[in-house]
Amino acid sequence: MPNITVEILTGRTAAQRAEFARVVTDAVVDVLGAPRHLVRI
């Protein structure tokens, strides 16, 4: 199960944070072949 920890500093909107999490999750699924439901950010 991939566990990814990212510190996002203030000034980013909730929409930006959600998009970031979606894109990182997509990359983990595509590159590492991890099941989407097991990716934790």
PDB file of N, CA and C in Angstrom:
ATOM      1  N   MET A   1       0.849  -1.169   0.000  1.00  0.00           N
ATOM      2  CA  MET A   1       0.000   0.000   0.000  1.00  0.00           C
ATOM      3  C   MET A   1       0.898   1.236   0.000  1.00  0.00           C
ATOM      4  N   PRO A   2       0.877   2.036  -1.056  1.00  0.00           N
ATOM      5  CA  PRO A   2       1.655   3.262  -1.075  1.00  0.00           C
ATOM      6  C   PRO A   2       1.072   4.308  -0.118  1.00  0.00           C
ATOM      7  N   ASN A   3       1.931   4.833   0.740  1.00  0.00           N
ATOM      8  CA  ASN A   3       1.571   5.932   1.634  1.00  0.00           C
ATOM      9  C   ASN A   3       2.427   7.124   1.257  1.00  0.00           C
ATOM     10  N   ILE A   4       1.799   8.204   0.859  1.00  0.00           N
ATOM     11  CA  ILE A   4       2.509   9.390   0.395  1.00  0.00           C
ATOM     12  C   ILE A   4       2.177  10.545   1.334  1.00  0.00           C
ATOM     13  N   THR A   5       3.223  11.190   1.857  1.00  0.00           N
ATOM     14  CA  THR A   5       3.033  12.331   2.740  1.00  0.00           C
ATOM     15  C   THR A   5       3.572  13.571   2.047  1.00  0.00           C
ATOM     16  N   VAL A   6       2.727  14.588   1.965  1.00  0.00           N
ATOM     17  CA  VAL A   6       3.093  15.851   1.316  1.00  0.00           C
ATOM     18  C   VAL A   6       2.653  16.985   2.235  1.00  0.00           C
ATOM     19  N   GLU A   7       3.512  17.947   2.407  1.00  0.00           N
ATOM     20  CA  GLU A   7       3.140  19.131   3.168  1.00  0.00           C
ATOM     21  C   GLU A   7       2.883  20.261   2.181  1.00  0.00           C
ATOM     22  N   ILE A   8       1.641  20.715   2.133  1.00  0.00           N
ATOM     23  CA  ILE A   8       1.270  21.818   1.248  1.00  0.00           C
ATOM     24  C   ILE A   8       1.089  23.048   2.129  1.00  0.00           C
ATOM     25  N   LEU A   9       1.856  24.066   1.824  1.00  0.00           N
ATOM     26  CA  LEU A   9       1.811  25.281   2.629  1.00  0.00           C
ATOM     27  C   LEU A   9       0.526  26.055   2.370  1.00  0.00           C
ATOM     28  N   THR A  10       0.241  26.993   3.244  1.00  0.00           N
ATOM     29  CA  THR A  10      -0.965  27.793   3.120  1.00  0.00           C
ATOM     30  C   THR A  10      -0.983  28.544   1.792  1.00  0.00           C
ATOM     31  N   GLY A  11      -2.167  28.931   1.405  1.00  0.00           N
ATOM     32  CA  GLY A  11      -2.321  29.682   0.163  1.00  0.00           C
ATOM     33  C   GLY A  11      -2.885  28.862  -0.985  1.00  0.00           C
ATOM     34  N   ARG A  12      -3.057  27.575  -0.776  1.00  0.00           N
ATOM     35  CA  ARG A  12      -3.645  26.711  -1.798  1.00  0.00           C
ATOM     36  C   ARG A  12      -5.115  26.483  -1.460  1.00  0.00           C
ATOM     37  N   THR A  13      -5.942  26.483  -2.470  1.00  0.00           N
ATOM     38  CA  THR A  13      -7.371  26.292  -2.245  1.00  0.00           C
ATOM     39  C   THR A  13      -7.680  24.811  -2.034  1.00  0.00           C
ATOM     40  N   ALA A  14      -8.873  24.565  -1.516  1.00  0.00           N
ATOM     41  CA  ALA A  14      -9.329  23.178  -1.347  1.00  0.00           C
ATOM     42  C   ALA A  14      -9.379  22.471  -2.695  1.00  0.00           C
ATOM     43  N   ALA A  15      -9.778  23.194  -3.726  1.00  0.00           N
ATOM     44  CA  ALA A  15      -9.837  22.600  -5.073  1.00  0.00           C
ATOM     45  C   ALA A  15      -8.439  22.226  -5.564  1.00  0.00           C
ATOM     46  N   GLN A  16      -7.450  23.066  -5.309  1.00  0.00           N
ATOM     47  CA  GLN A  16      -6.074  22.762  -5.714  1.00  0.00           C
ATOM     48  C   GLN A  16      -5.551  21.541  -4.970  1.00  0.00           C
ATOM     49  N   ARG A  17      -5.845  21.461  -3.694  1.00  0.00           N
ATOM     50  CA  ARG A  17      -5.400  20.307  -2.893  1.00  0.00           C
ATOM     51  C   ARG A  17      -6.058  19.013  -3.383  1.00  0.00           C
ATOM     52  N   ALA A  18      -7.335  19.086  -3.687  1.00  0.00           N
ATOM     53  CA  ALA A  18      -8.048  17.908  -4.181  1.00  0.00           C
ATOM     54  C   ALA A  18      -7.499  17.469  -5.533  1.00  0.00           C
ATOM     55  N   GLU A  19      -7.238  18.419  -6.414  1.00  0.00           N
ATOM     56  CA  GLU A  19      -6.676  18.100  -7.737  1.00  0.00           C
ATOM     57  C   GLU A  19      -5.297  17.486  -7.592  1.00  0.00           C
ATOM     58  N   PHE A  20      -4.488  18.036  -6.696  1.00  0.00           N
ATOM     59  CA  PHE A  20      -3.160  17.490  -6.449  1.00  0.00           C
ATOM     60  C   PHE A  20      -3.252  16.034  -6.000  1.00  0.00           C
ATOM     61  N   ALA A  21      -4.131  15.764  -5.043  1.00  0.00           N
ATOM     62  CA  ALA A  21      -4.298  14.396  -4.554  1.00  0.00           C
ATOM     63  C   ALA A  21      -4.764  13.461  -5.663  1.00  0.00           C
ATOM     64  N   ARG A  22      -5.657  13.938  -6.514  1.00  0.00           N
ATOM     65  CA  ARG A  22      -6.143  13.116  -7.623  1.00  0.00           C
ATOM     66  C   ARG A  22      -5.021  12.793  -8.602  1.00  0.00           C
ATOM     67  N   VAL A  23      -4.232  13.803  -8.962  1.00  0.00           N
ATOM     68  CA  VAL A  23      -3.149  13.609  -9.933  1.00  0.00           C
ATOM     69  C   VAL A  23      -2.062  12.686  -9.374  1.00  0.00           C
ATOM     70  N   VAL A  24      -1.714  12.859  -8.104  1.00  0.00           N
ATOM     71  CA  VAL A  24      -0.708  11.994  -7.494  1.00  0.00           C
ATOM     72  C   VAL A  24      -1.226  10.561  -7.412  1.00  0.00           C
ATOM     73  N   THR A  25      -2.473  10.400  -7.034  1.00  0.00           N
ATOM     74  CA  THR A  25      -3.063   9.061  -6.984  1.00  0.00           C
ATOM     75  C   THR A  25      -3.042   8.419  -8.365  1.00  0.00           C
ATOM     76  N   ASP A  26      -3.421   9.168  -9.390  1.00  0.00           N
ATOM     77  CA  ASP A  26      -3.388   8.640 -10.765  1.00  0.00           C
ATOM     78  C   ASP A  26      -1.986   8.190 -11.136  1.00  0.00           C
ATOM     79  N   ALA A  27      -0.975   8.976 -10.763  1.00  0.00           N
ATOM     80  CA  ALA A  27       0.414   8.635 -11.094  1.00  0.00           C
ATOM     81  C   ALA A  27       0.839   7.351 -10.383  1.00  0.00           C
ATOM     82  N   VAL A  28       0.471   7.196  -9.134  1.00  0.00           N
ATOM     83  CA  VAL A  28       0.830   5.986  -8.390  1.00  0.00           C
ATOM     84  C   VAL A  28       0.179   4.763  -9.029  1.00  0.00           C
ATOM     85  N   VAL A  29      -1.062   4.894  -9.409  1.00  0.00           N
ATOM     86  CA  VAL A  29      -1.766   3.791 -10.063  1.00  0.00           C
ATOM     87  C   VAL A  29      -1.104   3.456 -11.397  1.00  0.00           C
ATOM     88  N   ASP A  30      -0.814   4.488 -12.202  1.00  0.00           N
ATOM     89  CA  ASP A  30      -0.238   4.276 -13.540  1.00  0.00           C
ATOM     90  C   ASP A  30       1.203   3.779 -13.492  1.00  0.00           C
ATOM     91  N   VAL A  31       2.032   4.396 -12.667  1.00  0.00           N
ATOM     92  CA  VAL A  31       3.467   4.098 -12.665  1.00  0.00           C
ATOM     93  C   VAL A  31       3.798   2.876 -11.811  1.00  0.00           C
ATOM     94  N   LEU A  32       3.199   2.786 -10.628  1.00  0.00           N
ATOM     95  CA  LEU A  32       3.535   1.697  -9.710  1.00  0.00           C
ATOM     96  C   LEU A  32       2.588   0.509  -9.810  1.00  0.00           C
ATOM     97  N   GLY A  33       1.460   0.715 -10.484  1.00  0.00           N
ATOM     98  CA  GLY A  33       0.495  -0.368 -10.616  1.00  0.00           C
ATOM     99  C   GLY A  33      -0.257  -0.675  -9.332  1.00  0.00           C
ATOM    100  N   ALA A  34      -0.292   0.287  -8.428  1.00  0.00           N
ATOM    101  CA  ALA A  34      -0.988   0.080  -7.155  1.00  0.00           C
ATOM    102  C   ALA A  34      -2.495   0.188  -7.361  1.00  0.00           C
ATOM    103  N   PRO A  35      -3.263  -0.603  -6.652  1.00  0.00           N
ATOM    104  CA  PRO A  35      -4.708  -0.463  -6.713  1.00  0.00           C
ATOM    105  C   PRO A  35      -5.117   0.899  -6.135  1.00  0.00           C
ATOM    106  N   ARG A  36      -5.981   1.600  -6.835  1.00  0.00           N
ATOM    107  CA  ARG A  36      -6.393   2.946  -6.430  1.00  0.00           C
ATOM    108  C   ARG A  36      -6.900   2.990  -4.978  1.00  0.00           C
ATOM    109  N   HIS A  37      -7.658   1.997  -4.567  1.00  0.00           N
ATOM    110  CA  HIS A  37      -8.239   2.020  -3.228  1.00  0.00           C
ATOM    111  C   HIS A  37      -7.215   1.845  -2.112  1.00  0.00           C
ATOM    112  N   LEU A  38      -5.978   1.463  -2.460  1.00  0.00           N
ATOM    113  CA  LEU A  38      -4.938   1.305  -1.455  1.00  0.00           C
ATOM    114  C   LEU A  38      -3.983   2.500  -1.364  1.00  0.00           C
ATOM    115  N   VAL A  39      -4.127   3.469  -2.246  1.00  0.00           N
ATOM    116  CA  VAL A  39      -3.251   4.648  -2.224  1.00  0.00           C
ATOM    117  C   VAL A  39      -3.744   5.600  -1.139  1.00  0.00           C
ATOM    118  N   ARG A  40      -2.819   6.015  -0.266  1.00  0.00           N
ATOM    119  CA  ARG A  40      -3.132   6.947   0.820  1.00  0.00           C
ATOM    120  C   ARG A  40      -2.256   8.177   0.671  1.00  0.00           C
ATOM    121  N   ILE A  41      -2.918   9.339   0.672  1.00  0.00           N
ATOM    122  CA  ILE A  41      -2.179  10.606   0.599  1.00  0.00           C
ATOM    123  C   ILE A  41      -2.582  11.442   1.790  1.00  0.00           C
TER     124      ILE A  41
END
